[in-house]
PDB file of N, CA and C in Angstrom:
ATOM      1  N   MET A   1     237.537 141.189 137.981  1.00  0.00           N
ATOM      2  CA  MET A   1     238.366 141.374 139.004  1.00  0.00           C
ATOM      3  C   MET A   1     239.449 139.969 138.699  1.00  0.00           C
ATOM      4  N   ILE A   2     240.503 140.645 139.298  1.00  0.00           N
ATOM      5  CA  ILE A   2     242.206 140.396 138.378  1.00  0.00           C
ATOM      6  C   ILE A   2     242.234 138.678 139.661  1.00  0.00           C
ATOM      7  N   LYS A   3     242.923 137.973 139.178  1.00  0.00           N
ATOM      8  CA  LYS A   3     243.646 137.345 140.492  1.00  0.00           C
ATOM      9  C   LYS A   3     244.867 137.363 140.465  1.00  0.00           C
ATOM     10  N   VAL A   4     245.135 137.535 141.990  1.00  0.00           N
ATOM     11  CA  VAL A   4     246.332 137.336 142.067  1.00  0.00           C
ATOM     12  C   VAL A   4     247.267 136.208 142.608  1.00  0.00           C
ATOM     13  N   ALA A   5     249.097 135.882 142.299  1.00  0.00           N
ATOM     14  CA  ALA A   5     249.495 135.288 142.658  1.00  0.00           C
ATOM     15  C   ALA A   5     250.595 135.630 143.256  1.00  0.00           C
ATOM     16  N   PHE A   6     251.504 134.918 144.191  1.00  0.00           N
ATOM     17  CA  PHE A   6     252.607 135.264 145.009  1.00  0.00           C
ATOM     18  C   PHE A   6     253.830 134.852 144.415  1.00  0.00           C
ATOM     19  N   SER A   7     255.113 134.828 143.919  1.00  0.00           N
ATOM     20  CA  SER A   7     256.032 134.272 143.968  1.00  0.00           C
ATOM     21  C   SER A   7     256.815 133.818 144.699  1.00  0.00           C
ATOM     22  N   SER A   8     257.898 132.719 144.858  1.00  0.00           N
ATOM     23  CA  SER A   8     258.140 132.731 145.658  1.00  0.00           C
ATOM     24  C   SER A   8     259.442 133.522 146.429  1.00  0.00           C
ATOM     25  N   SER A   9     259.833 134.483 145.125  1.00  0.00           N
ATOM     26  CA  SER A   9     260.695 135.517 145.732  1.00  0.00           C
ATOM     27  C   SER A   9     259.789 136.909 146.205  1.00  0.00           C
ATOM     28  N   PHE A  10     258.262 136.603 146.118  1.00  0.00           N
ATOM     29  CA  PHE A  10     257.829 137.925 146.427  1.00  0.00           C
ATOM     30  C   PHE A  10     257.573 137.789 147.807  1.00  0.00           C
ATOM     31  N   LYS A  11     257.406 136.302 148.188  1.00  0.00           N
ATOM     32  CA  LYS A  11     257.120 136.270 149.434  1.00  0.00           C
ATOM     33  C   LYS A  11     258.473 136.135 150.642  1.00  0.00           C
ATOM     34  N   ARG A  12     259.843 135.879 149.957  1.00  0.00           N
ATOM     35  CA  ARG A  12     261.042 136.102 150.883  1.00  0.00           C
ATOM     36  C   ARG A  12     261.175 137.807 151.233  1.00  0.00           C
ATOM     37  N   ALA A  13     260.108 138.827 150.200  1.00  0.00           N
ATOM     38  CA  ALA A  13     260.759 139.843 149.970  1.00  0.00           C
ATOM     39  C   ALA A  13     259.806 140.635 150.561  1.00  0.00           C
ATOM     40  N   TYR A  14     258.391 139.896 151.247  1.00  0.00           N
ATOM     41  CA  TYR A  14     257.516 140.686 151.854  1.00  0.00           C
ATOM     42  C   TYR A  14     257.894 140.273 153.580  1.00  0.00           C
ATOM     43  N   LYS A  15     258.401 139.320 153.615  1.00  0.00           N
ATOM     44  CA  LYS A  15     258.738 138.793 154.746  1.00  0.00           C
ATOM     45  C   LYS A  15     259.695 139.556 155.370  1.00  0.00           C
ATOM     46  N   LYS A  16     260.785 139.561 154.485  1.00  0.00           N
ATOM     47  CA  LYS A  16     262.140 140.470 155.049  1.00  0.00           C
ATOM     48  C   LYS A  16     261.927 141.637 155.183  1.00  0.00           C
ATOM     49  N   ARG A  17     261.377 142.572 154.413  1.00  0.00           N
ATOM     50  CA  ARG A  17     260.715 143.816 154.301  1.00  0.00           C
ATOM     51  C   ARG A  17     259.649 144.509 155.169  1.00  0.00           C
ATOM     52  N   LEU A  18     258.736 143.495 155.431  1.00  0.00           N
ATOM     53  CA  LEU A  18     257.582 144.215 156.007  1.00  0.00           C
ATOM     54  C   LEU A  18     257.346 143.412 157.313  1.00  0.00           C
ATOM     55  N   ARG A  19     257.723 142.168 157.601  1.00  0.00           N
ATOM     56  CA  ARG A  19     257.506 141.589 158.632  1.00  0.00           C
ATOM     57  C   ARG A  19     257.357 142.377 159.942  1.00  0.00           C
ATOM     58  N   SER A  20     258.062 143.098 160.035  1.00  0.00           N
ATOM     59  CA  SER A  20     258.086 143.459 161.742  1.00  0.00           C
ATOM     60  C   SER A  20     257.163 145.400 161.503  1.00  0.00           C
ATOM     61  N   ASP A  21     256.673 145.475 160.304  1.00  0.00           N
ATOM     62  CA  ASP A  21     255.918 146.402 160.148  1.00  0.00           C
ATOM     63  C   ASP A  21     254.454 146.363 159.712  1.00  0.00           C
ATOM     64  N   ALA A  22     253.329 146.323 160.828  1.00  0.00           N
ATOM     65  CA  ALA A  22     252.099 146.224 161.231  1.00  0.00           C
ATOM     66  C   ALA A  22     251.535 146.924 160.090  1.00  0.00           C
ATOM     67  N   GLU A  23     251.961 148.456 159.957  1.00  0.00           N
ATOM     68  CA  GLU A  23     251.331 149.918 159.161  1.00  0.00           C
ATOM     69  C   GLU A  23     251.326 149.460 158.268  1.00  0.00           C
ATOM     70  N   LYS A  24     252.513 149.017 157.531  1.00  0.00           N
ATOM     71  CA  LYS A  24     252.884 148.987 156.040  1.00  0.00           C
ATOM     72  C   LYS A  24     252.281 147.880 155.307  1.00  0.00           C
ATOM     73  N   GLN A  25     251.892 146.573 156.001  1.00  0.00           N
ATOM     74  CA  GLN A  25     251.279 145.147 155.933  1.00  0.00           C
ATOM     75  C   GLN A  25     249.420 145.871 155.746  1.00  0.00           C
ATOM     76  N   LEU A  26     249.265 146.226 156.574  1.00  0.00           N
ATOM     77  CA  LEU A  26     248.025 147.209 156.550  1.00  0.00           C
ATOM     78  C   LEU A  26     247.666 147.897 155.526  1.00  0.00           C
ATOM     79  N   LYS A  27     248.874 148.684 154.869  1.00  0.00           N
ATOM     80  CA  LYS A  27     248.612 149.444 153.261  1.00  0.00           C
ATOM     81  C   LYS A  27     248.744 148.552 152.491  1.00  0.00           C
ATOM     82  N   PHE A  28     249.486 147.277 152.512  1.00  0.00           N
ATOM     83  CA  PHE A  28     249.844 146.457 151.502  1.00  0.00           C
ATOM     84  C   PHE A  28     248.357 145.907 151.082  1.00  0.00           C
ATOM     85  N   ILE A  29     248.074 145.406 151.921  1.00  0.00           N
ATOM     86  CA  ILE A  29     246.275 145.043 151.977  1.00  0.00           C
ATOM     87  C   ILE A  29     245.405 145.790 151.407  1.00  0.00           C
ATOM     88  N   GLU A  30     244.745 146.686 151.962  1.00  0.00           N
ATOM     89  CA  GLU A  30     244.436 147.906 151.357  1.00  0.00           C
ATOM     90  C   GLU A  30     244.814 148.054 149.877  1.00  0.00           C
ATOM     91  N   CYS A  31     246.120 148.344 149.381  1.00  0.00           N
ATOM     92  CA  CYS A  31     246.459 148.095 148.287  1.00  0.00           C
ATOM     93  C   CYS A  31     245.918 147.020 147.291  1.00  0.00           C
ATOM     94  N   LEU A  32     245.862 146.142 147.391  1.00  0.00           N
ATOM     95  CA  LEU A  32     245.840 144.708 147.393  1.00  0.00           C
ATOM     96  C   LEU A  32     244.667 144.166 147.017  1.00  0.00           C
ATOM     97  N   MET A  33     243.633 144.711 147.339  1.00  0.00           N
ATOM     98  CA  MET A  33     241.806 144.855 147.340  1.00  0.00           C
ATOM     99  C   MET A  33     241.662 145.994 146.377  1.00  0.00           C
ATOM    100  N   LEU A  34     242.483 147.120 146.200  1.00  0.00           N
ATOM    101  CA  LEU A  34     242.250 147.936 145.179  1.00  0.00           C
ATOM    102  C   LEU A  34     242.706 147.417 144.642  1.00  0.00           C
ATOM    103  N   PHE A  35     243.885 146.816 143.945  1.00  0.00           N
ATOM    104  CA  PHE A  35     244.387 146.205 142.750  1.00  0.00           C
ATOM    105  C   PHE A  35     243.633 145.204 142.188  1.00  0.00           C
ATOM    106  N   MET A  36     242.719 144.721 142.970  1.00  0.00           N
ATOM    107  CA  MET A  36     242.174 143.375 142.651  1.00  0.00           C
ATOM    108  C   MET A  36     241.119 144.005 142.162  1.00  0.00           C
ATOM    109  N   GLN A  37     240.348 145.198 142.319  1.00  0.00           N
ATOM    110  CA  GLN A  37     238.809 145.590 141.824  1.00  0.00           C
ATOM    111  C   GLN A  37     239.683 146.019 140.243  1.00  0.00           C
ATOM    112  N   ASP A  38     240.720 146.984 140.460  1.00  0.00           N
ATOM    113  CA  ASP A  38     241.300 148.028 139.152  1.00  0.00           C
ATOM    114  C   ASP A  38     242.452 147.815 139.490  1.00  0.00           C
ATOM    115  N   PRO A  39     243.042 147.290 138.631  1.00  0.00           N
ATOM    116  CA  PRO A  39     244.484 146.874 138.510  1.00  0.00           C
ATOM    117  C   PRO A  39     245.299 148.703 138.064  1.00  0.00           C
ATOM    118  N   TYR A  40     244.379 149.473 137.786  1.00  0.00           N
ATOM    119  CA  TYR A  40     245.199 150.788 136.767  1.00  0.00           C
ATOM    120  C   TYR A  40     244.612 151.990 138.215  1.00  0.00           C
ATOM    121  N   HIS A  41     243.991 151.673 139.252  1.00  0.00           N
ATOM    122  CA  HIS A  41     243.618 152.670 139.664  1.00  0.00           C
ATOM    123  C   HIS A  41     244.474 153.821 140.480  1.00  0.00           C
ATOM    124  N   VAL A  42     244.039 155.149 140.172  1.00  0.00           N
ATOM    125  CA  VAL A  42     244.780 156.230 139.848  1.00  0.00           C
ATOM    126  C   VAL A  42     245.540 156.472 141.350  1.00  0.00           C
ATOM    127  N   LYS A  43     245.020 156.204 142.362  1.00  0.00           N
ATOM    128  CA  LYS A  43     245.679 155.613 143.989  1.00  0.00           C
ATOM    129  C   LYS A  43     246.841 154.904 143.716  1.00  0.00           C
ATOM    130  N   LEU A  44     246.885 153.927 143.001  1.00  0.00           N
ATOM    131  CA  LEU A  44     248.167 153.209 143.063  1.00  0.00           C
ATOM    132  C   LEU A  44     249.488 153.391 142.110  1.00  0.00           C
ATOM    133  N   ARG A  45     248.979 154.357 141.395  1.00  0.00           N
ATOM    134  CA  ARG A  45     250.138 155.091 140.338  1.00  0.00           C
ATOM    135  C   ARG A  45     250.957 153.646 139.335  1.00  0.00           C
ATOM    136  N   THR A  46     249.866 152.748 138.889  1.00  0.00           N
ATOM    137  CA  THR A  46     250.459 151.484 138.033  1.00  0.00           C
ATOM    138  C   THR A  46     251.427 152.290 136.803  1.00  0.00           C
ATOM    139  N   HIS A  47     252.364 151.376 136.627  1.00  0.00           N
ATOM    140  CA  HIS A  47     252.841 151.979 135.555  1.00  0.00           C
ATOM    141  C   HIS A  47     253.843 150.623 134.955  1.00  0.00           C
ATOM    142  N   LYS A  48     253.904 151.016 133.435  1.00  0.00           N
ATOM    143  CA  LYS A  48     254.807 149.781 132.665  1.00  0.00           C
ATOM    144  C   LYS A  48     256.471 150.159 133.130  1.00  0.00           C
ATOM    145  N   LEU A  49     257.596 149.404 133.162  1.00  0.00           N
ATOM    146  CA  LEU A  49     259.219 149.450 133.380  1.00  0.00           C
ATOM    147  C   LEU A  49     259.482 148.965 132.206  1.00  0.00           C
ATOM    148  N   THR A  50     260.851 149.822 132.125  1.00  0.00           N
ATOM    149  CA  THR A  50     261.400 149.748 131.102  1.00  0.00           C
ATOM    150  C   THR A  50     263.118 149.185 130.917  1.00  0.00           C
ATOM    151  N   GLY A  51     263.686 149.548 130.387  1.00  0.00           N
ATOM    152  CA  GLY A  51     265.271 148.842 130.524  1.00  0.00           C
ATOM    153  C   GLY A  51     264.822 147.130 130.564  1.00  0.00           C
ATOM    154  N   SER A  52     265.891 146.965 131.209  1.00  0.00           N
ATOM    155  CA  SER A  52     265.830 145.512 131.852  1.00  0.00           C
ATOM    156  C   SER A  52     264.489 144.948 132.512  1.00  0.00           C
ATOM    157  N   LEU A  53     263.354 145.721 133.005  1.00  0.00           N
ATOM    158  CA  LEU A  53     262.428 145.321 133.818  1.00  0.00           C
ATOM    159  C   LEU A  53     261.367 145.449 132.869  1.00  0.00           C
ATOM    160  N   LYS A  54     261.520 145.337 131.862  1.00  0.00           N
ATOM    161  CA  LYS A  54     260.637 145.705 130.409  1.00  0.00           C
ATOM    162  C   LYS A  54     259.281 145.286 130.329  1.00  0.00           C
ATOM    163  N   ASP A  55     259.407 143.988 130.889  1.00  0.00           N
ATOM    164  CA  ASP A  55     257.565 142.836 130.887  1.00  0.00           C
ATOM    165  C   ASP A  55     257.193 143.168 132.287  1.00  0.00           C
ATOM    166  N   LEU A  56     257.935 144.263 133.203  1.00  0.00           N
ATOM    167  CA  LEU A  56     257.160 144.161 134.212  1.00  0.00           C
ATOM    168  C   LEU A  56     256.206 145.485 134.451  1.00  0.00           C
ATOM    169  N   TRP A  57     255.851 145.485 135.502  1.00  0.00           N
ATOM    170  CA  TRP A  57     254.700 146.351 136.130  1.00  0.00           C
ATOM    171  C   TRP A  57     255.341 146.572 137.685  1.00  0.00           C
ATOM    172  N   SER A  58     254.648 148.007 138.146  1.00  0.00           N
ATOM    173  CA  SER A  58     255.109 148.362 138.887  1.00  0.00           C
ATOM    174  C   SER A  58     253.652 149.177 139.761  1.00  0.00           C
ATOM    175  N   PHE A  59     253.296 149.294 140.696  1.00  0.00           N
ATOM    176  CA  PHE A  59     252.415 150.041 141.674  1.00  0.00           C
ATOM    177  C   PHE A  59     252.878 150.528 142.958  1.00  0.00           C
ATOM    178  N   SER A  60     252.106 151.859 143.220  1.00  0.00           N
ATOM    179  CA  SER A  60     252.947 152.376 144.742  1.00  0.00           C
ATOM    180  C   SER A  60     252.115 151.753 145.922  1.00  0.00           C
ATOM    181  N   ILE A  61     252.361 151.534 146.908  1.00  0.00           N
ATOM    182  CA  ILE A  61     251.442 151.355 148.037  1.00  0.00           C
ATOM    183  C   ILE A  61     251.639 152.539 148.986  1.00  0.00           C
ATOM    184  N   GLU A  62     252.372 153.417 148.877  1.00  0.00           N
ATOM    185  CA  GLU A  62     252.924 154.623 149.558  1.00  0.00           C
ATOM    186  C   GLU A  62     254.868 155.337 149.135  1.00  0.00           C
ATOM    187  N   TYR A  63     254.636 156.220 149.296  1.00  0.00           N
ATOM    188  CA  TYR A  63     255.607 156.930 148.374  1.00  0.00           C
ATOM    189  C   TYR A  63     256.783 156.191 148.427  1.00  0.00           C
ATOM    190  N   ASP A  64     257.367 155.306 148.736  1.00  0.00           N
ATOM    191  CA  ASP A  64     258.874 154.464 148.561  1.00  0.00           C
ATOM    192  C   ASP A  64     258.671 153.447 148.658  1.00  0.00           C
ATOM    193  N   LEU A  65     257.425 152.855 148.458  1.00  0.00           N
ATOM    194  CA  LEU A  65     257.402 150.986 148.816  1.00  0.00           C
ATOM    195  C   LEU A  65     256.337 150.895 147.245  1.00  0.00           C
ATOM    196  N   ARG A  66     256.917 150.080 146.923  1.00  0.00           N
ATOM    197  CA  ARG A  66     256.621 149.358 145.519  1.00  0.00           C
ATOM    198  C   ARG A  66     256.039 147.732 145.688  1.00  0.00           C
ATOM    199  N   VAL A  67     255.278 147.356 144.531  1.00  0.00           N
ATOM    200  CA  VAL A  67     255.311 145.958 144.018  1.00  0.00           C
ATOM    201  C   VAL A  67     255.659 145.814 142.665  1.00  0.00           C
ATOM    202  N   VAL A  68     256.106 144.740 142.225  1.00  0.00           N
ATOM    203  CA  VAL A  68     256.623 144.542 140.812  1.00  0.00           C
ATOM    204  C   VAL A  68     255.728 143.249 140.559  1.00  0.00           C
ATOM    205  N   PHE A  69     255.385 143.716 139.221  1.00  0.00           N
ATOM    206  CA  PHE A  69     254.966 142.680 138.910  1.00  0.00           C
ATOM    207  C   PHE A  69     254.108 142.054 137.559  1.00  0.00           C
ATOM    208  N   PHE A  70     253.862 141.145 137.222  1.00  0.00           N
ATOM    209  CA  PHE A  70     253.568 140.869 135.695  1.00  0.00           C
ATOM    210  C   PHE A  70     252.077 140.147 135.827  1.00  0.00           C
ATOM    211  N   PHE A  71     251.505 140.968 134.053  1.00  0.00           N
ATOM    212  CA  PHE A  71     250.538 139.913 134.179  1.00  0.00           C
ATOM    213  C   PHE A  71     250.714 138.573 133.351  1.00  0.00           C
ATOM    214  N   THR A  72     249.633 138.325 133.145  1.00  0.00           N
ATOM    215  CA  THR A  72     249.428 136.512 132.454  1.00  0.00           C
ATOM    216  C   THR A  72     248.238 136.695 131.158  1.00  0.00           C
ATOM    217  N   LYS A  73     248.456 135.870 130.740  1.00  0.00           N
ATOM    218  CA  LYS A  73     247.426 135.775 129.842  1.00  0.00           C
ATOM    219  C   LYS A  73     245.829 135.480 129.968  1.00  0.00           C
ATOM    220  N   ASP A  74     246.005 134.851 131.352  1.00  0.00           N
ATOM    221  CA  ASP A  74     245.042 134.337 132.167  1.00  0.00           C
ATOM    222  C   ASP A  74     244.058 135.353 132.838  1.00  0.00           C
ATOM    223  N   ASN A  75     244.370 136.761 132.787  1.00  0.00           N
ATOM    224  CA  ASN A  75     243.330 137.960 133.704  1.00  0.00           C
ATOM    225  C   ASN A  75     244.341 137.445 134.719  1.00  0.00           C
ATOM    226  N   GLU A  76     245.388 137.354 135.222  1.00  0.00           N
ATOM    227  CA  GLU A  76     246.106 137.437 136.416  1.00  0.00           C
ATOM    228  C   GLU A  76     247.886 138.165 136.578  1.00  0.00           C
ATOM    229  N   ALA A  77     247.790 138.557 137.968  1.00  0.00           N
ATOM    230  CA  ALA A  77     248.780 138.904 138.305  1.00  0.00           C
ATOM    231  C   ALA A  77     249.826 138.445 138.892  1.00  0.00           C
ATOM    232  N   ILE A  78     250.985 138.087 138.597  1.00  0.00           N
ATOM    233  CA  ILE A  78     252.087 137.746 139.524  1.00  0.00           C
ATOM    234  C   ILE A  78     252.909 138.327 140.299  1.00  0.00           C
ATOM    235  N   PHE A  79     252.653 138.580 141.344  1.00  0.00           N
ATOM    236  CA  PHE A  79     253.536 139.432 142.179  1.00  0.00           C
ATOM    237  C   PHE A  79     255.380 138.920 142.395  1.00  0.00           C
ATOM    238  N   GLU A  80     256.243 139.680 142.015  1.00  0.00           N
ATOM    239  CA  GLU A  80     257.665 139.401 141.846  1.00  0.00           C
ATOM    240  C   GLU A  80     258.377 139.776 143.060  1.00  0.00           C
ATOM    241  N   ASP A  81     257.968 141.187 143.197  1.00  0.00           N
ATOM    242  CA  ASP A  81     258.741 141.907 144.320  1.00  0.00           C
ATOM    243  C   ASP A  81     258.351 142.760 145.295  1.00  0.00           C
ATOM    244  N   ILE A  82     258.687 143.273 146.372  1.00  0.00           N
ATOM    245  CA  ILE A  82     257.958 144.028 147.200  1.00  0.00           C
ATOM    246  C   ILE A  82     259.133 144.861 147.922  1.00  0.00           C
ATOM    247  N   GLY A  83     259.397 146.241 148.129  1.00  0.00           N
ATOM    248  CA  GLY A  83     260.084 147.365 148.425  1.00  0.00           C
ATOM    249  C   GLY A  83     260.340 148.445 148.206  1.00  0.00           C
ATOM    250  N   ASN A  84     261.430 149.356 148.783  1.00  0.00           N
ATOM    251  CA  ASN A  84     261.367 150.946 148.462  1.00  0.00           C
ATOM    252  C   ASN A  84     262.370 150.501 146.802  1.00  0.00           C
ATOM    253  N   HIS A  85     262.087 151.840 146.416  1.00  0.00           N
ATOM    254  CA  HIS A  85     263.055 152.120 144.815  1.00  0.00           C
ATOM    255  C   HIS A  85     263.993 150.875 144.247  1.00  0.00           C
ATOM    256  N   ASP A  86     265.168 151.430 145.424  1.00  0.00           N
ATOM    257  CA  ASP A  86     266.895 150.571 145.438  1.00  0.00           C
ATOM    258  C   ASP A  86     266.320 149.424 145.439  1.00  0.00           C
ATOM    259  N   GLU A  87     265.779 148.529 146.015  1.00  0.00           N
ATOM    260  CA  GLU A  87     265.288 147.557 146.396  1.00  0.00           C
ATOM    261  C   GLU A  87     264.832 146.557 145.411  1.00  0.00           C
ATOM    262  N   VAL A  88     263.947 147.297 144.785  1.00  0.00           N
ATOM    263  CA  VAL A  88     262.979 146.596 143.330  1.00  0.00           C
ATOM    264  C   VAL A  88     263.564 146.780 142.247  1.00  0.00           C
ATOM    265  N   TYR A  89     263.893 147.707 142.107  1.00  0.00           N
ATOM    266  CA  TYR A  89     264.626 148.110 140.487  1.00  0.00           C
ATOM    267  C   TYR A  89     266.238 147.965 140.294  1.00  0.00           C
TER     268      TYR A  89
END
């Protein structure tokens, strides 16, 4: 099982973009549990980013809701941002 931590920028983005949407919050929690069990689960569509975000990874919660994160050397994932494609890339 992988550990997950949330950066302060992720916490701000989560509050701003998901605060008033209980359905998206529930989907995030479901995907978070899945991610902690298997970060590369096919449902998450986890992929490495390129270009200026080349050190980061992303997974999908739903069609246009993504989480951007990076892996540490200690088997931990740090979530950096959450939002739609244009907001996080």
